[in-house]
N, C-alpha and C. Protein backbone atom coordinates (compact mmCIF):
# COMPACT_ATOMS: atom_id res chain seq x y z
N MET A 1 -5.88 125.89 -7.96
CA MET A 1 -6.73 127.07 -7.96
C MET A 1 -7.79 127.00 -9.05
N ASN A 2 -7.37 126.51 -10.22
CA ASN A 2 -8.32 126.40 -11.32
C ASN A 2 -9.46 125.46 -10.96
N ASN A 3 -9.14 124.36 -10.30
CA ASN A 3 -10.18 123.41 -9.93
C ASN A 3 -11.17 124.02 -8.94
N VAL A 4 -10.67 124.83 -8.04
CA VAL A 4 -11.55 125.50 -7.07
C VAL A 4 -12.45 126.48 -7.82
N ALA A 5 -11.87 127.24 -8.74
CA ALA A 5 -12.65 128.21 -9.51
C ALA A 5 -13.72 127.51 -10.34
N GLU A 6 -13.38 126.40 -10.96
CA GLU A 6 -14.36 125.66 -11.75
C GLU A 6 -15.46 125.08 -10.86
N SER A 7 -15.10 124.62 -9.68
CA SER A 7 -16.11 124.13 -8.73
C SER A 7 -17.07 125.24 -8.35
N LEU A 8 -16.53 126.42 -8.11
CA LEU A 8 -17.39 127.57 -7.78
C LEU A 8 -18.32 127.90 -8.94
N ARG A 9 -17.79 127.86 -10.16
CA ARG A 9 -18.61 128.16 -11.34
C ARG A 9 -19.74 127.14 -11.47
N LEU A 10 -19.41 125.88 -11.29
CA LEU A 10 -20.42 124.82 -11.42
C LEU A 10 -21.49 124.89 -10.33
N GLN A 11 -21.13 125.51 -9.20
CA GLN A 11 -22.09 125.71 -8.11
C GLN A 11 -22.92 126.97 -8.31
N GLY A 12 -22.65 127.70 -9.39
CA GLY A 12 -23.39 128.93 -9.65
C GLY A 12 -22.85 130.13 -8.90
N LYS A 13 -21.69 130.00 -8.32
CA LYS A 13 -21.05 131.11 -7.59
C LYS A 13 -20.14 131.85 -8.56
N TYR A 14 -20.78 132.53 -9.52
CA TYR A 14 -20.06 133.09 -10.66
C TYR A 14 -19.11 134.22 -10.29
N GLU A 15 -19.51 135.06 -9.37
CA GLU A 15 -18.63 136.17 -8.97
C GLU A 15 -17.36 135.64 -8.31
N GLU A 16 -17.52 134.67 -7.42
CA GLU A 16 -16.36 134.07 -6.76
C GLU A 16 -15.49 133.32 -7.76
N ALA A 17 -16.12 132.63 -8.70
CA ALA A 17 -15.38 131.89 -9.73
C ALA A 17 -14.57 132.85 -10.59
N GLU A 18 -15.18 133.96 -10.97
CA GLU A 18 -14.47 134.96 -11.77
C GLU A 18 -13.24 135.48 -11.03
N ALA A 19 -13.42 135.80 -9.76
CA ALA A 19 -12.29 136.32 -8.97
C ALA A 19 -11.17 135.29 -8.87
N MET A 20 -11.52 134.03 -8.66
CA MET A 20 -10.51 132.98 -8.55
C MET A 20 -9.81 132.75 -9.89
N HIS A 21 -10.57 132.75 -10.97
CA HIS A 21 -9.96 132.57 -12.29
C HIS A 21 -9.03 133.75 -12.62
N LEU A 22 -9.43 134.95 -12.26
CA LEU A 22 -8.58 136.12 -12.50
C LEU A 22 -7.29 136.03 -11.70
N GLN A 23 -7.39 135.62 -10.47
CA GLN A 23 -6.21 135.44 -9.62
C GLN A 23 -5.28 134.37 -10.21
N THR A 24 -5.86 133.28 -10.68
CA THR A 24 -5.09 132.20 -11.29
C THR A 24 -4.39 132.69 -12.55
N LEU A 25 -5.11 133.42 -13.38
CA LEU A 25 -4.52 133.94 -14.62
C LEU A 25 -3.35 134.87 -14.32
N LYS A 26 -3.52 135.78 -13.40
CA LYS A 26 -2.43 136.72 -13.07
C LYS A 26 -1.21 135.98 -12.54
N LEU A 27 -1.43 134.97 -11.72
CA LEU A 27 -0.32 134.19 -11.18
C LEU A 27 0.42 133.45 -12.31
N LYS A 28 -0.34 132.82 -13.19
CA LYS A 28 0.29 132.08 -14.30
C LYS A 28 1.02 133.03 -15.25
N GLU A 29 0.46 134.20 -15.50
CA GLU A 29 1.16 135.17 -16.35
C GLU A 29 2.50 135.56 -15.74
N ARG A 30 2.50 135.75 -14.44
CA ARG A 30 3.73 136.16 -13.76
C ARG A 30 4.75 135.02 -13.72
N VAL A 31 4.30 133.82 -13.44
CA VAL A 31 5.22 132.69 -13.25
C VAL A 31 5.60 132.02 -14.57
N LEU A 32 4.61 131.79 -15.43
CA LEU A 32 4.85 131.03 -16.66
C LEU A 32 5.02 131.89 -17.90
N GLY A 33 4.47 133.10 -17.86
CA GLY A 33 4.50 133.98 -19.01
C GLY A 33 3.15 134.00 -19.71
N LYS A 34 2.91 135.06 -20.46
CA LYS A 34 1.61 135.26 -21.09
C LYS A 34 1.32 134.29 -22.22
N ASP A 35 2.36 133.70 -22.82
CA ASP A 35 2.17 132.82 -23.96
C ASP A 35 2.21 131.33 -23.61
N HIS A 36 2.34 131.02 -22.34
CA HIS A 36 2.42 129.61 -21.94
C HIS A 36 1.04 128.95 -22.11
N PRO A 37 1.00 127.71 -22.60
CA PRO A 37 -0.29 127.03 -22.78
C PRO A 37 -1.16 126.98 -21.53
N ASP A 38 -0.56 126.82 -20.36
CA ASP A 38 -1.35 126.80 -19.12
C ASP A 38 -1.96 128.17 -18.83
N THR A 39 -1.23 129.21 -19.15
CA THR A 39 -1.75 130.57 -18.98
C THR A 39 -2.93 130.79 -19.93
N LEU A 40 -2.78 130.31 -21.16
CA LEU A 40 -3.86 130.46 -22.14
C LEU A 40 -5.09 129.67 -21.72
N ALA A 41 -4.90 128.53 -21.10
CA ALA A 41 -6.03 127.76 -20.58
C ALA A 41 -6.76 128.55 -19.49
N SER A 42 -6.00 129.22 -18.64
CA SER A 42 -6.61 130.04 -17.59
C SER A 42 -7.36 131.22 -18.18
N MET A 43 -6.82 131.79 -19.26
CA MET A 43 -7.51 132.90 -19.93
C MET A 43 -8.85 132.41 -20.48
N ASN A 44 -8.84 131.24 -21.08
CA ASN A 44 -10.07 130.64 -21.60
C ASN A 44 -11.07 130.41 -20.47
N ASN A 45 -10.61 129.88 -19.36
CA ASN A 45 -11.50 129.59 -18.23
C ASN A 45 -12.10 130.87 -17.65
N LEU A 46 -11.32 131.93 -17.60
CA LEU A 46 -11.84 133.21 -17.12
C LEU A 46 -12.93 133.72 -18.06
N ALA A 47 -12.71 133.58 -19.36
CA ALA A 47 -13.72 134.03 -20.32
C ALA A 47 -15.03 133.27 -20.12
N VAL A 48 -14.94 131.98 -19.86
CA VAL A 48 -16.15 131.18 -19.62
C VAL A 48 -16.86 131.67 -18.35
N ALA A 49 -16.09 131.98 -17.33
CA ALA A 49 -16.68 132.48 -16.09
C ALA A 49 -17.34 133.85 -16.31
N LEU A 50 -16.69 134.70 -17.10
CA LEU A 50 -17.28 136.01 -17.41
C LEU A 50 -18.59 135.86 -18.17
N GLU A 51 -18.65 134.86 -19.04
CA GLU A 51 -19.86 134.61 -19.81
C GLU A 51 -21.04 134.35 -18.89
N LYS A 52 -20.80 133.60 -17.83
CA LYS A 52 -21.86 133.28 -16.88
C LYS A 52 -22.36 134.53 -16.15
N ARG A 53 -21.55 135.58 -16.15
CA ARG A 53 -21.94 136.83 -15.49
C ARG A 53 -22.50 137.84 -16.47
N GLY A 54 -22.62 137.42 -17.74
CA GLY A 54 -23.23 138.29 -18.74
C GLY A 54 -22.34 139.41 -19.24
N LYS A 55 -21.04 139.26 -19.11
CA LYS A 55 -20.09 140.29 -19.54
C LYS A 55 -19.66 140.04 -20.98
N CYS A 56 -20.62 140.22 -21.89
CA CYS A 56 -20.45 139.80 -23.29
C CYS A 56 -19.26 140.44 -23.99
N ALA A 57 -19.07 141.74 -23.83
CA ALA A 57 -17.96 142.42 -24.52
C ALA A 57 -16.62 141.88 -24.04
N GLU A 58 -16.49 141.70 -22.74
CA GLU A 58 -15.25 141.16 -22.18
C GLU A 58 -15.02 139.72 -22.63
N VAL A 59 -16.10 138.95 -22.68
CA VAL A 59 -16.00 137.55 -23.09
C VAL A 59 -15.49 137.45 -24.52
N GLU A 60 -16.11 138.21 -25.41
CA GLU A 60 -15.70 138.18 -26.81
C GLU A 60 -14.23 138.58 -26.96
N ALA A 61 -13.84 139.67 -26.31
CA ALA A 61 -12.46 140.15 -26.42
C ALA A 61 -11.47 139.11 -25.89
N MET A 62 -11.81 138.49 -24.78
CA MET A 62 -10.90 137.51 -24.19
C MET A 62 -10.82 136.25 -25.05
N HIS A 63 -11.94 135.81 -25.58
CA HIS A 63 -11.91 134.64 -26.47
C HIS A 63 -11.11 134.94 -27.73
N ARG A 64 -11.25 136.15 -28.29
CA ARG A 64 -10.47 136.53 -29.47
C ARG A 64 -8.98 136.53 -29.16
N GLN A 65 -8.62 137.09 -28.01
CA GLN A 65 -7.22 137.14 -27.61
C GLN A 65 -6.66 135.73 -27.38
N THR A 66 -7.43 134.91 -26.70
CA THR A 66 -7.00 133.53 -26.44
C THR A 66 -6.81 132.78 -27.75
N LEU A 67 -7.76 132.94 -28.66
CA LEU A 67 -7.66 132.26 -29.95
C LEU A 67 -6.42 132.70 -30.71
N GLN A 68 -6.19 134.00 -30.76
CA GLN A 68 -5.01 134.51 -31.47
C GLN A 68 -3.72 133.96 -30.88
N LEU A 69 -3.61 133.98 -29.56
CA LEU A 69 -2.40 133.48 -28.91
C LEU A 69 -2.24 131.98 -29.10
N ARG A 70 -3.34 131.23 -28.98
CA ARG A 70 -3.25 129.78 -29.17
C ARG A 70 -2.86 129.44 -30.61
N GLU A 71 -3.37 130.18 -31.58
CA GLU A 71 -2.96 129.93 -32.97
C GLU A 71 -1.47 130.15 -33.14
N THR A 72 -0.95 131.20 -32.51
CA THR A 72 0.47 131.52 -32.61
C THR A 72 1.33 130.50 -31.87
N VAL A 73 0.93 130.18 -30.65
CA VAL A 73 1.75 129.32 -29.78
C VAL A 73 1.57 127.83 -30.12
N LEU A 74 0.35 127.41 -30.34
CA LEU A 74 0.05 125.98 -30.48
C LEU A 74 -0.19 125.55 -31.93
N GLY A 75 -0.55 126.49 -32.78
CA GLY A 75 -0.89 126.16 -34.15
C GLY A 75 -2.39 126.13 -34.37
N LYS A 76 -2.78 126.30 -35.61
CA LYS A 76 -4.21 126.41 -35.94
C LYS A 76 -4.98 125.11 -35.78
N ASP A 77 -4.29 123.98 -35.83
CA ASP A 77 -4.98 122.69 -35.76
C ASP A 77 -4.92 122.03 -34.38
N HIS A 78 -4.33 122.70 -33.41
CA HIS A 78 -4.23 122.12 -32.07
C HIS A 78 -5.62 122.06 -31.43
N PRO A 79 -5.90 121.00 -30.69
CA PRO A 79 -7.23 120.88 -30.04
C PRO A 79 -7.61 122.09 -29.17
N SER A 80 -6.66 122.67 -28.47
CA SER A 80 -6.97 123.83 -27.64
C SER A 80 -7.33 125.05 -28.48
N THR A 81 -6.67 125.18 -29.63
CA THR A 81 -7.00 126.27 -30.54
C THR A 81 -8.41 126.09 -31.09
N LEU A 82 -8.74 124.86 -31.43
CA LEU A 82 -10.08 124.58 -31.94
C LEU A 82 -11.14 124.82 -30.86
N THR A 83 -10.81 124.52 -29.62
CA THR A 83 -11.72 124.82 -28.51
C THR A 83 -11.96 126.32 -28.42
N SER A 84 -10.89 127.10 -28.58
CA SER A 84 -11.04 128.56 -28.54
C SER A 84 -11.90 129.06 -29.68
N MET A 85 -11.76 128.47 -30.86
CA MET A 85 -12.61 128.84 -31.99
C MET A 85 -14.08 128.59 -31.65
N ASN A 86 -14.33 127.42 -31.09
CA ASN A 86 -15.70 127.08 -30.70
C ASN A 86 -16.22 128.03 -29.63
N ASN A 87 -15.41 128.32 -28.63
CA ASN A 87 -15.85 129.19 -27.55
C ASN A 87 -16.17 130.60 -28.05
N LEU A 88 -15.37 131.09 -29.00
CA LEU A 88 -15.65 132.40 -29.59
C LEU A 88 -16.97 132.35 -30.36
N ALA A 89 -17.18 131.29 -31.12
CA ALA A 89 -18.43 131.15 -31.87
C ALA A 89 -19.63 131.13 -30.93
N VAL A 90 -19.53 130.42 -29.84
CA VAL A 90 -20.62 130.37 -28.86
C VAL A 90 -20.87 131.75 -28.28
N ALA A 91 -19.80 132.46 -27.93
CA ALA A 91 -19.95 133.80 -27.36
C ALA A 91 -20.63 134.74 -28.36
N LEU A 92 -20.26 134.65 -29.62
CA LEU A 92 -20.88 135.50 -30.64
C LEU A 92 -22.35 135.13 -30.83
N ARG A 93 -22.64 133.84 -30.81
CA ARG A 93 -24.03 133.39 -30.96
C ARG A 93 -24.89 133.90 -29.80
N LEU A 94 -24.35 133.87 -28.60
CA LEU A 94 -25.10 134.33 -27.43
C LEU A 94 -25.40 135.83 -27.49
N GLN A 95 -24.54 136.56 -28.20
CA GLN A 95 -24.77 138.00 -28.33
C GLN A 95 -25.84 138.32 -29.36
N GLY A 96 -26.15 137.34 -30.22
CA GLY A 96 -27.22 137.53 -31.20
C GLY A 96 -26.76 137.91 -32.54
């Protein structure tokens, strides 16, 4: 599902990509739990999709939440945590 959502995003079909990422996130939360690394990856992907739709407040909140959870679950030096730090910085920069 994530690959389909990413394909939609890369094709510029942002609304469809957002819906697919949201569906994927909800499924992973239910099956794997909210703190599972795969769930956190889906949360990150949804935030990126939201960014493409200009939903700045939601993007920032989701990146902050993802970063906090990844720091707790994976540690501050994990590559995925560092990706979340970068994604939050980009989101803040885009807001001005």
